C-alpha atoms as a PDB file:
ATOM      1  CA  MET A   1       0.988 -39.760   8.998  1.00  0.00           C
ATOM      2  CA  ASN A   2       1.700 -40.070  12.701  1.00  0.00           C
ATOM      3  CA  SER A   3       0.492 -37.555  15.266  1.00  0.00           C
ATOM      4  CA  SER A   4       3.904 -35.851  15.709  1.00  0.00           C
ATOM      5  CA  THR A   5       4.173 -35.283  11.942  1.00  0.00           C
ATOM      6  CA  GLU A   6       0.624 -33.940  11.857  1.00  0.00           C
ATOM      7  CA  LYS A   7       1.361 -31.676  14.825  1.00  0.00           C
ATOM      8  CA  SER A   8       4.543 -30.389  13.147  1.00  0.00           C
ATOM      9  CA  ALA A   9       2.718 -29.652   9.877  1.00  0.00           C
ATOM     10  CA  GLU A  10      -0.044 -27.857  11.802  1.00  0.00           C
ATOM     11  CA  GLN A  11       2.535 -25.784  13.730  1.00  0.00           C
ATOM     12  CA  GLU A  12       4.301 -24.849  10.483  1.00  0.00           C
ATOM     13  CA  LYS A  13       0.970 -23.831   8.913  1.00  0.00           C
ATOM     14  CA  HIS A  14       0.103 -21.704  11.965  1.00  0.00           C
ATOM     15  CA  SER A  15       3.571 -20.121  11.959  1.00  0.00           C
ATOM     16  CA  SER A  16       3.274 -19.321   8.249  1.00  0.00           C
ATOM     17  CA  PHE A  17      -0.166 -17.786   8.817  1.00  0.00           C
ATOM     18  CA  LYS A  18       1.156 -15.613  11.660  1.00  0.00           C
ATOM     19  CA  GLN A  19       4.096 -14.454   9.523  1.00  0.00           C
ATOM     20  CA  ASN A  20       1.828 -13.626   6.566  1.00  0.00           C
ATOM     21  CA  LEU A  21      -0.483 -11.703   8.902  1.00  0.00           C
ATOM     22  CA  GLU A  22       2.511  -9.663  10.057  1.00  0.00           C
ATOM     23  CA  TYR A  23       3.454  -8.916   6.440  1.00  0.00           C
ATOM     24  CA  LEU A  24      -0.066  -7.658   5.751  1.00  0.00           C
ATOM     25  CA  ARG A  25       0.052  -5.433   8.832  1.00  0.00           C
ATOM     26  CA  GLU A  26       3.075  -3.667   7.276  1.00  0.00           C
ATOM     27  CA  ILE A  27       1.183  -2.672   4.119  1.00  0.00           C
ATOM     28  CA  PRO A  28       0.212   1.025   4.224  1.00  0.00           C
ATOM     29  CA  LEU A  29      -2.973   0.341   2.258  1.00  0.00           C
ATOM     30  CA  LEU A  30      -4.180  -2.009   5.005  1.00  0.00           C
ATOM     31  CA  LEU A  31      -3.227   0.043   8.072  1.00  0.00           C
ATOM     32  CA  GLY A  32      -5.915   0.218  10.706  1.00  0.00           C
ATOM     33  CA  LEU A  33      -7.965  -2.725   9.454  1.00  0.00           C
ATOM     34  CA  ASP A  34      -9.531  -4.780  12.222  1.00  0.00           C
ATOM     35  CA  TYR A  35      -8.108  -8.176  13.063  1.00  0.00           C
ATOM     36  CA  GLU A  36     -10.999 -10.129  11.520  1.00  0.00           C
ATOM     37  CA  SER A  37     -10.567  -8.409   8.139  1.00  0.00           C
ATOM     38  CA  LEU A  38      -6.807  -8.947   8.148  1.00  0.00           C
ATOM     39  CA  LYS A  39      -7.258 -12.563   9.223  1.00  0.00           C
ATOM     40  CA  LEU A  40      -9.563 -13.278   6.276  1.00  0.00           C
ATOM     41  CA  ILE A  41      -7.281 -11.475   3.815  1.00  0.00           C
ATOM     42  CA  THR A  42      -4.368 -13.513   5.173  1.00  0.00           C
ATOM     43  CA  MET A  43      -6.261 -16.772   4.737  1.00  0.00           C
ATOM     44  CA  LEU A  44      -7.019 -15.812   1.124  1.00  0.00           C
ATOM     45  CA  SER A  45      -3.433 -14.816   0.319  1.00  0.00           C
ATOM     46  CA  LYS A  46      -0.844 -17.193  -1.060  1.00  0.00           C
ATOM     47  CA  GLN A  47       2.928 -17.248  -0.933  1.00  0.00           C
ATOM     48  CA  ILE A  48       4.514 -17.629  -4.364  1.00  0.00           C
ATOM     49  CA  ASP A  49       8.166 -18.521  -4.944  1.00  0.00           C
ATOM     50  CA  LEU A  50       9.830 -17.158  -8.063  1.00  0.00           C
ATOM     51  CA  ILE A  51      13.003 -17.867  -9.954  1.00  0.00           C
ATOM     52  CA  GLU A  52      15.001 -15.293 -11.875  1.00  0.00           C
ATOM     53  CA  GLY A  53      13.052 -14.107 -14.915  1.00  0.00           C
ATOM     54  CA  ASP A  54       9.572 -15.030 -13.646  1.00  0.00           C
ATOM     55  CA  GLN A  55       7.055 -12.279 -14.409  1.00  0.00           C
ATOM     56  CA  LEU A  56       4.524 -11.197 -11.799  1.00  0.00           C
ATOM     57  CA  MET A  57       2.845  -8.451 -13.795  1.00  0.00           C
ATOM     58  CA  VAL A  58       2.767  -7.895 -17.534  1.00  0.00           C
ATOM     59  CA  GLN A  59       2.334  -4.465 -19.085  1.00  0.00           C
ATOM     60  CA  GLY A  60      -1.088  -4.168 -20.711  1.00  0.00           C
ATOM     61  CA  GLU A  61      -2.755  -6.949 -18.695  1.00  0.00           C
ATOM     62  CA  ASP A  62      -5.101  -6.939 -15.694  1.00  0.00           C
ATOM     63  CA  ASP A  63      -4.263  -9.864 -13.434  1.00  0.00           C
ATOM     64  CA  GLY A  64      -6.309  -8.616 -10.462  1.00  0.00           C
ATOM     65  CA  CYS A  65      -3.480  -9.238  -7.993  1.00  0.00           C
ATOM     66  CA  ALA A  66      -1.260  -7.302  -5.619  1.00  0.00           C
ATOM     67  CA  TYR A  67       2.013  -8.537  -4.167  1.00  0.00           C
ATOM     68  CA  PHE A  68       4.016  -8.048  -0.981  1.00  0.00           C
ATOM     69  CA  LEU A  69       7.702  -8.776  -1.621  1.00  0.00           C
ATOM     70  CA  ILE A  70       8.901 -11.063   1.171  1.00  0.00           C
ATOM     71  CA  ASN A  71      12.447 -11.673  -0.049  1.00  0.00           C
ATOM     72  CA  GLY A  72      14.555 -11.378  -3.166  1.00  0.00           C
ATOM     73  CA  LYS A  73      14.432  -8.592  -5.714  1.00  0.00           C
ATOM     74  CA  LEU A  74      11.974  -7.569  -8.406  1.00  0.00           C
ATOM     75  CA  ARG A  75      12.450  -5.094 -11.242  1.00  0.00           C
ATOM     76  CA  SER A  76       9.875  -2.979 -13.012  1.00  0.00           C
ATOM     77  CA  SER A  77      10.194  -2.177 -16.687  1.00  0.00           C
ATOM     78  CA  TYR A  78       8.240  -0.214 -19.268  1.00  0.00           C
ATOM     79  CA  ARG A  79       8.067  -0.904 -22.984  1.00  0.00           C
ATOM     80  CA  LEU A  80       7.485   2.005 -25.341  1.00  0.00           C
ATOM     81  CA  TYR A  81       7.294   0.849 -28.933  1.00  0.00           C
ATOM     82  CA  ASP A  82      10.457  -1.209 -29.483  1.00  0.00           C
ATOM     83  CA  LYS A  83      12.440   0.139 -26.534  1.00  0.00           C
ATOM     84  CA  LEU A  84      12.439  -1.450 -23.081  1.00  0.00           C
ATOM     85  CA  TYR A  85      13.168   0.846 -20.139  1.00  0.00           C
ATOM     86  CA  GLN A  86      14.375  -0.717 -16.892  1.00  0.00           C
ATOM     87  CA  LEU A  87      12.819   1.458 -14.204  1.00  0.00           C
ATOM     88  CA  ARG A  88      13.810   0.371 -10.740  1.00  0.00           C
ATOM     89  CA  ASP A  89      14.513  -2.492  -8.417  1.00  0.00           C
ATOM     90  CA  HIS A  90      12.038  -3.346  -5.677  1.00  0.00           C
ATOM     91  CA  VAL A  91      13.193  -4.725  -2.339  1.00  0.00           C
ATOM     92  CA  PRO A  92      11.615  -6.799   0.424  1.00  0.00           C
ATOM     93  CA  GLY A  93       8.847  -5.020   2.291  1.00  0.00           C
ATOM     94  CA  GLU A  94       7.394  -3.291  -0.773  1.00  0.00           C
ATOM     95  CA  PHE A  95       3.742  -3.722  -1.680  1.00  0.00           C
ATOM     96  CA  LEU A  96       3.174  -3.651  -5.422  1.00  0.00           C
ATOM     97  CA  GLY A  97       0.046  -3.483  -7.541  1.00  0.00           C
ATOM     98  CA  GLY A  98      -2.393  -2.577  -4.766  1.00  0.00           C
ATOM     99  CA  LEU A  99      -4.560  -0.561  -7.130  1.00  0.00           C
ATOM    100  CA  ALA A 100      -5.634  -3.849  -8.758  1.00  0.00           C
ATOM    101  CA  LEU A 101      -7.367  -4.851  -5.520  1.00  0.00           C
ATOM    102  CA  LEU A 102      -9.796  -1.954  -5.830  1.00  0.00           C
ATOM    103  CA  GLY A 103     -10.972  -2.651  -9.380  1.00  0.00           C
ATOM    104  CA  PRO A 104      -9.846  -3.322 -12.937  1.00  0.00           C
ATOM    105  CA  ALA A 105      -6.359  -1.914 -13.447  1.00  0.00           C
ATOM    106  CA  ILE A 106      -4.402  -2.439 -16.639  1.00  0.00           C
ATOM    107  CA  ARG A 107      -0.731  -2.801 -15.753  1.00  0.00           C
ATOM    108  CA  LEU A 108       1.453   0.028 -16.990  1.00  0.00           C
ATOM    109  CA  PHE A 109       4.640  -1.871 -16.134  1.00  0.00           C
ATOM    110  CA  THR A 110       6.049  -5.368 -16.265  1.00  0.00           C
ATOM    111  CA  LEU A 111       7.367  -6.662 -12.944  1.00  0.00           C
ATOM    112  CA  TYR A 112       9.759  -9.608 -12.873  1.00  0.00           C
ATOM    113  CA  ALA A 113      12.176 -11.372 -10.535  1.00  0.00           C
ATOM    114  CA  THR A 114      15.874 -10.595 -10.958  1.00  0.00           C
ATOM    115  CA  GLU A 115      16.777 -13.342  -8.473  1.00  0.00           C
ATOM    116  CA  SER A 116      14.995 -16.042  -6.482  1.00  0.00           C
ATOM    117  CA  SER A 117      12.223 -14.252  -4.636  1.00  0.00           C
ATOM    118  CA  SER A 118       9.060 -14.860  -2.641  1.00  0.00           C
ATOM    119  CA  VAL A 119       5.911 -12.788  -2.643  1.00  0.00           C
ATOM    120  CA  LEU A 120       2.601 -12.873  -0.860  1.00  0.00           C
ATOM    121  CA  ARG A 121      -0.161 -12.626  -3.469  1.00  0.00           C
ATOM    122  CA  LEU A 122      -3.550 -11.060  -2.769  1.00  0.00           C
ATOM    123  CA  LYS A 123      -6.318 -11.494  -5.340  1.00  0.00           C
ATOM    124  CA  ARG A 124      -8.935  -8.852  -6.107  1.00  0.00           C
ATOM    125  CA  ASP A 125     -11.941 -11.165  -5.845  1.00  0.00           C
ATOM    126  CA  GLY A 126     -11.028 -12.396  -2.362  1.00  0.00           C
ATOM    127  CA  PHE A 127     -10.062  -8.919  -1.185  1.00  0.00           C
ATOM    128  CA  GLN A 128     -13.360  -7.468  -2.394  1.00  0.00           C
ATOM    129  CA  LYS A 129     -15.352 -10.235  -0.684  1.00  0.00           C
ATOM    130  CA  VAL A 130     -13.680  -9.307   2.604  1.00  0.00           C
ATOM    131  CA  MET A 131     -14.367  -5.608   1.990  1.00  0.00           C
ATOM    132  CA  ASN A 132     -18.040  -6.406   1.301  1.00  0.00           C
ATOM    133  CA  GLN A 133     -18.222  -8.415   4.507  1.00  0.00           C
ATOM    134  CA  TYR A 134     -16.578  -5.585   6.511  1.00  0.00           C
ATOM    135  CA  PRO A 135     -17.673  -2.319   4.830  1.00  0.00           C
ATOM    136  CA  GLY A 136     -15.875  -0.173   7.413  1.00  0.00           C
ATOM    137  CA  SER A 137     -12.626  -1.690   6.231  1.00  0.00           C
ATOM    138  CA  MET A 138     -13.131  -0.322   2.726  1.00  0.00           C
ATOM    139  CA  ALA A 139     -13.411   3.227   4.097  1.00  0.00           C
ATOM    140  CA  LYS A 140     -10.048   2.740   5.845  1.00  0.00           C
ATOM    141  CA  VAL A 141      -8.468   1.324   2.685  1.00  0.00           C
ATOM    142  CA  ALA A 142      -9.739   4.308   0.663  1.00  0.00           C
ATOM    143  CA  ALA A 143      -8.348   6.779   3.222  1.00  0.00           C
ATOM    144  CA  ASN A 144      -5.030   4.917   3.275  1.00  0.00           C
ATOM    145  CA  PHE A 145      -4.907   4.933  -0.520  1.00  0.00           C
ATOM    146  CA  ALA A 146      -5.416   8.702  -0.623  1.00  0.00           C
ATOM    147  CA  TYR A 147      -2.623   9.165   1.920  1.00  0.00           C
ATOM    148  CA  VAL A 148      -0.217   6.844   0.073  1.00  0.00           C
ATOM    149  CA  LEU A 149      -0.918   8.562  -3.246  1.00  0.00           C
ATOM    150  CA  SER A 150      -0.280  12.041  -1.820  1.00  0.00           C
ATOM    151  CA  ALA A 151       2.857  10.887   0.002  1.00  0.00           C
ATOM    152  CA  ARG A 152       4.218   9.258  -3.173  1.00  0.00           C
ATOM    153  CA  GLU A 153       3.672  12.442  -5.166  1.00  0.00           C
ATOM    154  CA  GLN A 154       5.305  14.513  -2.403  1.00  0.00           C
ATOM    155  CA  ASP A 155       8.324  12.180  -2.549  1.00  0.00           C
ATOM    156  CA  LEU A 156       8.546  12.784  -6.319  1.00  0.00           C
ATOM    157  CA  LEU A 157       8.377  16.539  -5.789  1.00  0.00           C
ATOM    158  CA  ASN A 158      11.137  16.334  -3.181  1.00  0.00           C
ATOM    159  CA  GLN A 159      13.398  14.446  -5.602  1.00  0.00           C
ATOM    160  CA  ILE A 160      13.362  16.931  -8.476  1.00  0.00           C
ATOM    161  CA  ASP A 161      14.948  20.343  -8.747  1.00  0.00           C
ATOM    162  CA  SER A 162      13.212  23.502  -9.946  1.00  0.00           C
ATOM    163  CA  GLU A 163      14.367  23.074 -13.577  1.00  0.00           C
ATOM    164  CA  ALA A 164      13.018  19.543 -13.740  1.00  0.00           C
ATOM    165  CA  LEU A 165       9.835  20.752 -12.064  1.00  0.00           C
ATOM    166  CA  GLU A 166       9.262  23.175 -14.952  1.00  0.00           C
ATOM    167  CA  SER A 167       9.404  20.344 -17.509  1.00  0.00           C
ATOM    168  CA  ALA A 168       7.561  17.783 -15.367  1.00  0.00           C
ATOM    169  CA  ASN A 169       4.581  19.989 -14.577  1.00  0.00           C
ATOM    170  CA  GLN A 170       2.265  18.078 -16.929  1.00  0.00           C
ATOM    171  CA  ALA A 171       3.147  14.739 -15.339  1.00  0.00           C
ATOM    172  CA  LEU A 172       2.606  15.830 -11.755  1.00  0.00           C
ATOM    173  CA  GLY A 173      -0.701  16.419 -10.052  1.00  0.00           C
ATOM    174  CA  ILE A 174      -1.980  12.847  -9.789  1.00  0.00           C
ATOM    175  CA  SER A 175      -3.036  13.585  -6.197  1.00  0.00           C
ATOM    176  CA  LEU A 176      -5.400  16.232  -7.583  1.00  0.00           C
ATOM    177  CA  ILE A 177      -7.672  13.456  -8.876  1.00  0.00           C
END
């Protein structure tokens, strides 16, 4: 390899790192983390390209990963006995599966690509090593998680009318945990 090819590959690697760092800065769970923590998490993350039909998460499994959707579209589904329910489409900018970074988390849903897509994958073991190295970061992640959970439940409450609220009362209250 000549020096201009090496320089170009190094520039591309640096550009990719900077872009991945920016993606991580968008994730609500990681808001407020110091640069060193984010830098290490970025170095441990990996971009994965998917084709239509590729599965990222499988209901009933614990893969220990979380994903930031860079481009494309993913769909979540839920299987109950012999019936498959298509839940919703996920668009670029969404962070999915973050709970798996904090500890064992059996997937309740299957997540798969409905078109060519790219994700940034974070693995639990690497994430937890960074959190152990920077304990203050874990306190921020926990506070962010509590905020995200409450905000998500508030969004659900805002989407249902009073009749639906009467029948959904057993399903709501996750933020009371």
